[in-house]
Amino acid sequence: MEPFTIDIPQPALDDLSERLVRTRWPDEQPGAGWSRGVPLDFLRELAAYWADGYSWRAAEAELNEFPQYVTEIDGQRIHFLHVRSDDPDALPLVLTHGYPSAFAEFTRLAGLLPDFHLVVPSLPGFGFSNPVHEPGWALGRTSRAWAELMRRLGYDRYGVHGGDIGAGVAGAVAGLDGEHVAGVHVVTDPNTAAATATFLPGMAERLNQDDPVDKLILERMAEFRREGSGYLAIQNSRPQTMAYLLNDSPVGQLGWIAEAFERWTDLPYGRDRLLTIASLYWFTGSGASAARFLHEQAHSADWGAPHTVPQGFAVFGADETVTRLIERTEHWTEFERGGHFPAMEAPELLAEDIRRFFLGH
């Protein structure tokens, strides 16, 4: 375990500014809006603010307020925050981000969970858990690394939380290390649930077109296949081809991330927080390796073993479709608003639900 401080060299910041200014912008079909991807005016304005308005040094200082470390597990560098509670007997809790996100997704949430020892790792190939030196890093191998990380930190009993990829990792950790896992708390939303359903064999055949709820699910599944799955299809099949764009063009990387945040969120998440995440991808060159993580999982048979530990769900933007797709657990909380990134969109609500699940209050 080595202490770690983020310190991006000034030449890297200067290079980013120069690249942003020198962007060769494409044209755009008139009136296309968001129907064909990120609108030109939206991305130009966001990139201009990234170049002359957003302060990476301020974000860097904020991130460095959290104790950070790096360690090597199974040959892979793992970066993580380790925020200890003032209560020495507090429950340790692992918070795992998804895609296209980073550990910085949880900085607001971390300040709302003082009654936990928080461990917030960067997924292999994401952020400062980079570079990845060999294939095979997906849910299964990552879950084994997380269990080993908690063992090294001396935690015999701990909880796990996540969304998106992080939800899969949390469940896989519980299946692997159930005797030490106190509970699994995950977040989802109706669009994520429907998108996930498109990958479940036979799901469409089990739904009834004449049932209003099933019909809505089928419509969302079709919408995801038609309009929302392109990024995943590319990364699941040709991640190296995408790597050149993501690693060489900051605007390309920004557009790739910003589209997901705009399409998948329901509440304001903060432009500066989006740019902090985009900056982490850019400065660490992890756009390419993060894409490879998705490719590895798409071609892996290791999705983790089933678990029997207590499970809690927080459903944001909830409607009746989610309980049709996911078996309701004993701890089940529905929120009227929110989307795919509740740690950024609604951190107070998420923190309250995490405390109620793990601590009973």
Protein backbone atom coordinates (compact mmCIF):
# COMPACT_ATOMS: atom_id res chain seq x y z
CA MET A 1 0.00 0.00 0.00
CA GLU A 2 1.56 3.29 -1.08
CA PRO A 3 0.04 6.74 -0.43
CA PHE A 4 -0.94 8.45 -3.65
CA THR A 5 -1.44 12.10 -4.55
CA ILE A 6 -2.84 13.29 -7.86
CA ASP A 7 -0.38 15.67 -9.50
CA ILE A 8 -0.91 16.07 -13.24
CA PRO A 9 2.16 17.78 -14.78
CA GLN A 10 1.55 21.26 -16.15
CA PRO A 11 2.67 20.28 -19.68
CA ALA A 12 -0.23 17.79 -19.77
CA LEU A 13 -2.67 20.61 -18.94
CA ASP A 14 -1.11 22.84 -21.58
CA ASP A 15 -1.34 20.05 -24.16
CA LEU A 16 -5.03 19.55 -23.35
CA SER A 17 -5.76 23.27 -23.80
CA GLU A 18 -3.90 23.35 -27.11
CA ARG A 19 -5.73 20.30 -28.42
CA LEU A 20 -9.11 21.74 -27.43
CA VAL A 21 -8.38 25.02 -29.17
CA ARG A 22 -7.17 23.21 -32.31
CA THR A 23 -10.19 20.89 -32.57
CA ARG A 24 -11.27 20.32 -36.17
CA TRP A 25 -15.04 20.45 -35.77
CA PRO A 26 -17.35 18.53 -38.12
CA ASP A 27 -20.49 19.91 -39.65
CA GLU A 28 -23.94 18.77 -38.53
CA GLN A 29 -27.20 17.86 -40.21
CA PRO A 30 -29.61 20.78 -39.64
CA GLY A 31 -32.26 20.10 -37.05
CA ALA A 32 -30.79 16.76 -35.94
CA GLY A 33 -30.67 17.68 -32.25
CA TRP A 34 -29.73 14.63 -30.15
CA SER A 35 -31.19 12.15 -32.62
CA ARG A 36 -27.82 11.40 -34.26
CA GLY A 37 -25.52 11.89 -31.30
CA VAL A 38 -24.13 14.84 -29.37
CA PRO A 39 -25.21 18.15 -30.96
CA LEU A 40 -22.42 20.34 -32.29
CA ASP A 41 -23.37 23.49 -30.35
CA PHE A 42 -23.65 21.55 -27.08
CA LEU A 43 -20.20 20.00 -27.40
CA ARG A 44 -18.50 23.18 -28.65
CA GLU A 45 -19.78 25.11 -25.65
CA LEU A 46 -18.75 22.35 -23.23
CA ALA A 47 -15.29 22.04 -24.80
CA ALA A 48 -14.81 25.82 -24.69
CA TYR A 49 -15.58 25.81 -20.98
CA TRP A 50 -13.19 22.88 -20.46
CA ALA A 51 -10.45 24.91 -22.17
CA ASP A 52 -11.16 28.27 -20.53
CA GLY A 53 -13.35 28.18 -17.44
CA TYR A 54 -13.09 24.81 -15.78
CA SER A 55 -10.22 24.48 -13.31
CA TRP A 56 -8.51 21.09 -13.17
CA ARG A 57 -6.24 22.33 -10.37
CA ALA A 58 -9.28 23.10 -8.21
CA ALA A 59 -10.72 19.65 -8.94
CA GLU A 60 -7.35 18.04 -8.27
CA ALA A 61 -7.13 19.77 -4.89
CA GLU A 62 -10.64 18.63 -4.01
CA LEU A 63 -9.86 15.02 -4.92
CA ASN A 64 -6.62 15.15 -2.95
CA GLU A 65 -8.57 15.98 0.19
CA PHE A 66 -9.44 12.28 0.26
CA PRO A 67 -6.71 9.83 1.38
CA GLN A 68 -5.63 7.83 -1.67
CA TYR A 69 -3.43 4.78 -2.16
CA VAL A 70 -2.20 2.43 -4.84
CA THR A 71 -1.37 -1.23 -4.49
CA GLU A 72 -0.70 -4.14 -6.81
CA ILE A 73 -3.10 -7.08 -6.81
CA ASP A 74 -2.79 -10.00 -9.22
CA GLY A 75 -0.23 -8.04 -11.21
CA GLN A 76 -2.50 -5.03 -11.63
CA ARG A 77 -2.12 -1.55 -10.17
CA ILE A 78 -5.22 -0.65 -8.15
CA HIS A 79 -5.94 2.92 -7.06
CA PHE A 80 -8.43 3.63 -4.27
CA LEU A 81 -9.69 6.16 -1.77
CA HIS A 82 -9.66 5.03 1.86
CA VAL A 83 -11.74 7.35 4.01
CA ARG A 84 -11.85 6.18 7.61
CA SER A 85 -14.72 7.05 9.92
CA ASP A 86 -14.05 8.66 13.28
CA ASP A 87 -15.78 5.60 14.74
CA PRO A 88 -13.18 2.81 14.79
CA ASP A 89 -16.00 0.21 14.83
CA ALA A 90 -17.72 1.62 11.73
CA LEU A 91 -18.73 -0.81 8.99
CA PRO A 92 -16.33 -0.80 6.01
CA LEU A 93 -18.11 -0.15 2.71
CA VAL A 94 -16.79 -0.57 -0.84
CA LEU A 95 -18.22 1.86 -3.42
CA THR A 96 -17.63 0.78 -7.03
CA HIS A 97 -18.29 3.04 -10.01
CA GLY A 98 -19.45 2.05 -13.47
CA TYR A 99 -18.98 3.22 -17.07
CA PRO A 100 -18.29 5.86 -18.26
CA SER A 101 -17.49 7.09 -14.79
CA ALA A 102 -14.71 7.14 -12.21
CA PHE A 103 -14.05 7.12 -8.48
CA ALA A 104 -14.77 10.87 -8.51
CA GLU A 105 -18.46 10.02 -8.94
CA PHE A 106 -18.57 9.32 -5.19
CA THR A 107 -16.89 12.39 -3.72
CA ARG A 108 -20.15 14.11 -2.74
CA LEU A 109 -21.59 10.85 -1.43
CA ALA A 110 -18.47 10.15 0.65
CA GLY A 111 -19.00 13.30 2.68
CA LEU A 112 -22.50 12.08 3.56
CA LEU A 113 -21.40 8.70 4.92
CA PRO A 114 -19.22 9.51 7.96
CA ASP A 115 -20.45 6.39 9.76
CA PHE A 116 -18.62 4.05 7.35
CA HIS A 117 -15.00 3.28 6.57
CA LEU A 118 -15.16 3.96 2.83
CA VAL A 119 -13.04 2.16 0.23
CA VAL A 120 -13.53 3.59 -3.27
CA PRO A 121 -11.44 1.77 -5.90
CA SER A 122 -10.90 2.67 -9.52
CA LEU A 123 -11.83 -0.26 -11.75
CA PRO A 124 -8.86 -1.88 -13.52
CA GLY A 125 -8.11 0.19 -16.61
CA PHE A 126 -10.00 3.22 -15.29
CA GLY A 127 -8.33 6.36 -14.01
CA PHE A 128 -5.23 5.69 -11.97
CA SER A 129 -5.78 1.89 -12.00
CA ASN A 130 -4.02 2.02 -15.33
CA PRO A 131 -2.30 0.67 -17.38
CA VAL A 132 -3.67 -2.86 -17.70
CA HIS A 133 -0.87 -5.26 -18.52
CA GLU A 134 -2.81 -8.37 -19.54
CA PRO A 135 -6.28 -9.53 -20.64
CA GLY A 136 -8.88 -11.00 -18.34
CA TRP A 137 -9.81 -8.02 -16.22
CA ALA A 138 -13.60 -8.03 -16.01
CA LEU A 139 -16.19 -8.64 -13.27
CA GLY A 140 -14.84 -11.94 -11.94
CA ARG A 141 -11.20 -10.99 -11.67
CA THR A 142 -12.09 -7.55 -10.34
CA SER A 143 -14.27 -9.05 -7.60
CA ARG A 144 -11.36 -11.22 -6.50
CA ALA A 145 -9.13 -8.15 -6.40
CA TRP A 146 -11.68 -6.26 -4.26
CA ALA A 147 -11.92 -9.15 -1.79
CA GLU A 148 -8.12 -9.23 -1.55
CA LEU A 149 -8.00 -5.45 -1.13
CA MET A 150 -10.38 -5.62 1.83
CA ARG A 151 -8.35 -8.45 3.34
CA ARG A 152 -5.16 -6.39 3.05
CA LEU A 153 -6.89 -3.47 4.73
CA GLY A 154 -7.74 -5.74 7.63
CA TYR A 155 -11.51 -5.69 7.17
CA ASP A 156 -13.15 -8.98 8.13
CA ARG A 157 -16.74 -7.80 7.59
CA TYR A 158 -17.79 -5.23 5.00
CA GLY A 159 -20.58 -4.06 2.71
CA VAL A 160 -20.52 -3.48 -1.04
CA HIS A 161 -22.35 -0.92 -3.17
CA GLY A 162 -22.39 -0.09 -6.85
CA GLY A 163 -24.28 0.82 -9.97
CA ASP A 164 -23.81 -0.20 -13.61
CA ILE A 165 -20.56 -2.25 -13.74
CA GLY A 166 -20.19 -1.51 -10.04
CA ALA A 167 -23.43 -3.35 -9.31
CA GLY A 168 -22.10 -6.40 -11.12
CA VAL A 169 -18.84 -6.22 -9.20
CA ALA A 170 -20.69 -5.85 -5.90
CA GLY A 171 -22.75 -8.97 -6.57
CA ALA A 172 -19.69 -10.90 -7.70
CA VAL A 173 -17.80 -9.96 -4.52
CA ALA A 174 -20.72 -11.25 -2.45
CA GLY A 175 -20.76 -14.51 -4.40
CA LEU A 176 -17.03 -14.93 -3.93
CA ASP A 177 -16.58 -13.67 -0.36
CA GLY A 178 -20.03 -14.07 1.14
CA GLU A 179 -18.76 -15.08 4.57
CA HIS A 180 -17.23 -11.59 4.92
CA VAL A 181 -19.85 -9.51 3.07
CA ALA A 182 -22.53 -7.95 5.28
CA GLY A 183 -24.77 -6.93 2.40
CA VAL A 184 -25.03 -5.81 -1.22
CA HIS A 185 -26.65 -2.47 -2.03
CA VAL A 186 -27.08 -1.51 -5.68
CA VAL A 187 -28.80 1.22 -7.66
CA THR A 188 -30.76 0.98 -10.88
CA ASP A 189 -33.36 2.87 -12.92
CA PRO A 190 -36.04 1.84 -15.44
CA ASN A 191 -33.93 2.48 -18.55
CA THR A 192 -30.96 0.57 -17.15
CA ALA A 193 -33.20 -2.32 -16.17
CA ALA A 194 -34.73 -2.46 -19.64
CA ALA A 195 -31.32 -2.21 -21.33
CA THR A 196 -30.03 -5.06 -19.17
CA ALA A 197 -33.09 -7.12 -20.10
CA THR A 198 -32.09 -7.00 -23.78
CA PHE A 199 -29.12 -9.25 -22.95
CA LEU A 200 -31.18 -11.86 -21.08
CA PRO A 201 -31.98 -14.84 -23.34
CA GLY A 202 -35.69 -15.28 -23.96
CA MET A 203 -36.72 -12.14 -22.06
CA ALA A 204 -38.69 -10.65 -24.98
CA GLU A 205 -40.60 -13.91 -25.43
CA ARG A 206 -41.59 -13.97 -21.76
CA LEU A 207 -43.18 -10.52 -21.94
CA ASN A 208 -46.80 -10.03 -23.01
CA GLN A 209 -47.41 -7.36 -25.65
CA ASP A 210 -51.01 -7.01 -24.44
CA ASP A 211 -49.94 -6.14 -20.89
CA PRO A 212 -49.33 -2.35 -20.54
CA VAL A 213 -46.26 -2.75 -18.30
CA ASP A 214 -44.72 -5.48 -20.44
CA LYS A 215 -45.44 -3.42 -23.54
CA LEU A 216 -43.55 -0.46 -22.06
CA ILE A 217 -40.59 -2.72 -21.25
CA LEU A 218 -40.58 -4.11 -24.80
CA GLU A 219 -40.65 -0.58 -26.19
CA ARG A 220 -37.70 0.45 -24.03
CA MET A 221 -35.77 -2.68 -24.99
CA ALA A 222 -36.38 -1.92 -28.67
CA GLU A 223 -35.36 1.71 -28.14
CA PHE A 224 -32.10 0.61 -26.51
CA ARG A 225 -31.29 -1.79 -29.33
CA ARG A 226 -32.16 0.80 -31.97
CA GLU A 227 -30.80 4.03 -30.48
CA GLY A 228 -28.84 3.37 -27.29
CA SER A 229 -26.59 0.34 -27.76
CA GLY A 230 -24.21 1.60 -30.43
CA TYR A 231 -21.45 2.59 -28.00
CA LEU A 232 -21.58 -0.83 -26.38
CA ALA A 233 -21.57 -2.70 -29.71
CA ILE A 234 -18.42 -0.86 -30.79
CA GLN A 235 -16.59 -1.41 -27.51
CA ASN A 236 -17.70 -5.02 -27.20
CA SER A 237 -16.38 -5.80 -30.68
CA ARG A 238 -13.73 -3.25 -31.75
CA PRO A 239 -12.33 -1.50 -28.66
CA GLN A 240 -8.91 -0.95 -30.23
CA THR A 241 -10.41 0.97 -33.14
CA MET A 242 -12.16 3.29 -30.69
CA ALA A 243 -8.94 3.60 -28.70
CA TYR A 244 -7.33 5.92 -31.26
CA LEU A 245 -10.18 8.43 -31.06
CA LEU A 246 -10.46 8.31 -27.27
CA ASN A 247 -6.71 8.58 -26.69
CA ASP A 248 -5.90 11.26 -29.25
CA SER A 249 -8.86 13.65 -29.20
CA PRO A 250 -10.05 15.21 -25.93
CA VAL A 251 -13.24 16.36 -27.67
CA GLY A 252 -13.80 12.81 -28.89
CA GLN A 253 -13.38 11.53 -25.34
CA LEU A 254 -15.61 14.31 -23.98
CA GLY A 255 -18.39 13.59 -26.46
CA TRP A 256 -18.24 9.87 -25.70
CA ILE A 257 -18.77 10.55 -21.98
CA ALA A 258 -21.10 13.56 -22.20
CA GLU A 259 -23.63 11.73 -24.35
CA ALA A 260 -24.04 9.04 -21.68
CA PHE A 261 -24.47 11.59 -18.92
CA GLU A 262 -27.03 13.58 -20.88
CA ARG A 263 -29.05 10.55 -22.00
CA TRP A 264 -28.91 8.59 -18.73
CA THR A 265 -29.52 11.28 -16.10
CA ASP A 266 -32.74 12.81 -14.84
CA LEU A 267 -31.46 15.39 -12.33
CA PRO A 268 -28.61 17.95 -12.59
CA TYR A 269 -25.21 16.38 -11.99
CA GLY A 270 -22.94 19.42 -12.38
CA ARG A 271 -20.93 20.41 -15.46
CA ASP A 272 -17.69 20.64 -13.48
CA ARG A 273 -18.14 17.11 -12.15
CA LEU A 274 -18.62 15.80 -15.67
CA LEU A 275 -15.43 17.57 -16.76
CA THR A 276 -13.53 16.18 -13.77
CA ILE A 277 -14.45 12.67 -14.90
CA ALA A 278 -13.58 13.50 -18.53
CA SER A 279 -10.25 14.94 -17.35
CA LEU A 280 -9.45 11.78 -15.38
CA TYR A 281 -10.03 9.70 -18.51
CA TRP A 282 -7.93 12.08 -20.59
CA PHE A 283 -4.93 12.55 -18.29
CA THR A 284 -4.65 8.82 -17.51
CA GLY A 285 -5.26 7.71 -21.09
CA SER A 286 -7.89 5.32 -19.77
CA GLY A 287 -10.58 5.79 -22.41
CA ALA A 288 -9.08 2.92 -24.38
CA SER A 289 -8.50 0.58 -21.44
CA ALA A 290 -11.98 1.28 -20.03
CA ALA A 291 -13.43 0.26 -23.40
CA ARG A 292 -11.40 -2.94 -23.23
CA PHE A 293 -12.95 -3.73 -19.82
CA LEU A 294 -16.36 -3.85 -21.51
CA HIS A 295 -14.92 -6.02 -24.30
CA GLU A 296 -13.41 -8.43 -21.77
CA GLN A 297 -16.74 -8.81 -19.98
CA ALA A 298 -18.67 -9.28 -23.20
CA HIS A 299 -16.41 -12.22 -24.04
CA SER A 300 -16.22 -13.68 -20.55
CA ALA A 301 -18.21 -16.52 -19.02
CA ASP A 302 -17.36 -15.30 -15.52
CA TRP A 303 -20.23 -13.15 -14.26
CA GLY A 304 -19.75 -14.15 -10.64
CA ALA A 305 -21.43 -16.81 -8.53
CA PRO A 306 -24.90 -16.37 -7.00
CA HIS A 307 -24.92 -15.04 -3.47
CA THR A 308 -27.18 -15.38 -0.46
CA VAL A 309 -26.18 -12.26 1.51
CA PRO A 310 -28.78 -9.53 2.16
CA GLN A 311 -29.55 -7.50 -0.95
CA GLY A 312 -30.89 -3.96 -1.17
CA PHE A 313 -32.08 -2.00 -4.18
CA ALA A 314 -32.47 1.75 -4.61
CA VAL A 315 -34.49 2.45 -7.76
CA PHE A 316 -34.28 6.00 -9.10
CA GLY A 317 -36.93 7.39 -11.44
CA ALA A 318 -38.91 4.32 -10.46
CA ASP A 319 -41.95 3.00 -12.28
CA GLU A 320 -43.78 -0.31 -12.40
CA THR A 321 -41.44 -1.81 -15.01
CA VAL A 322 -38.55 -2.36 -12.61
CA THR A 323 -40.37 -4.80 -10.33
CA ARG A 324 -41.45 -6.71 -13.44
CA LEU A 325 -37.78 -7.17 -14.40
CA ILE A 326 -36.09 -7.46 -11.00
CA GLU A 327 -37.28 -9.62 -8.14
CA ARG A 328 -38.17 -7.33 -5.27
CA THR A 329 -35.88 -7.72 -2.25
CA GLU A 330 -36.62 -7.14 1.42
CA HIS A 331 -34.93 -3.74 1.21
CA TRP A 332 -36.45 -1.98 -1.79
CA THR A 333 -36.62 1.81 -2.08
CA GLU A 334 -38.16 3.71 -4.96
CA PHE A 335 -37.42 7.35 -5.72
CA GLU A 336 -39.57 9.37 -8.10
CA ARG A 337 -36.63 11.22 -9.66
CA GLY A 338 -33.05 10.35 -10.55
CA GLY A 339 -31.25 8.29 -13.15
CA HIS A 340 -28.12 6.28 -13.83
CA PHE A 341 -25.70 8.31 -11.66
CA PRO A 342 -27.54 8.89 -8.35
CA ALA A 343 -24.30 9.45 -6.41
CA MET A 344 -24.00 12.64 -8.48
CA GLU A 345 -27.68 13.40 -9.11
CA ALA A 346 -29.17 12.70 -5.68
CA PRO A 347 -26.35 11.97 -3.20
CA GLU A 348 -28.41 12.84 -0.11
CA LEU A 349 -31.16 10.37 -1.03
CA LEU A 350 -28.66 7.66 -1.87
CA ALA A 351 -26.68 8.19 1.35
CA GLU A 352 -29.87 7.93 3.41
CA ASP A 353 -30.83 4.67 1.71
CA ILE A 354 -27.36 3.18 2.17
CA ARG A 355 -27.47 4.00 5.87
CA ARG A 356 -30.94 2.49 6.28
CA PHE A 357 -29.91 -0.73 4.49
CA PHE A 358 -26.63 -1.35 6.29
CA LEU A 359 -27.23 0.37 9.63
CA GLY A 360 -31.00 0.30 10.02
CA HIS A 361 -31.31 4.10 10.27
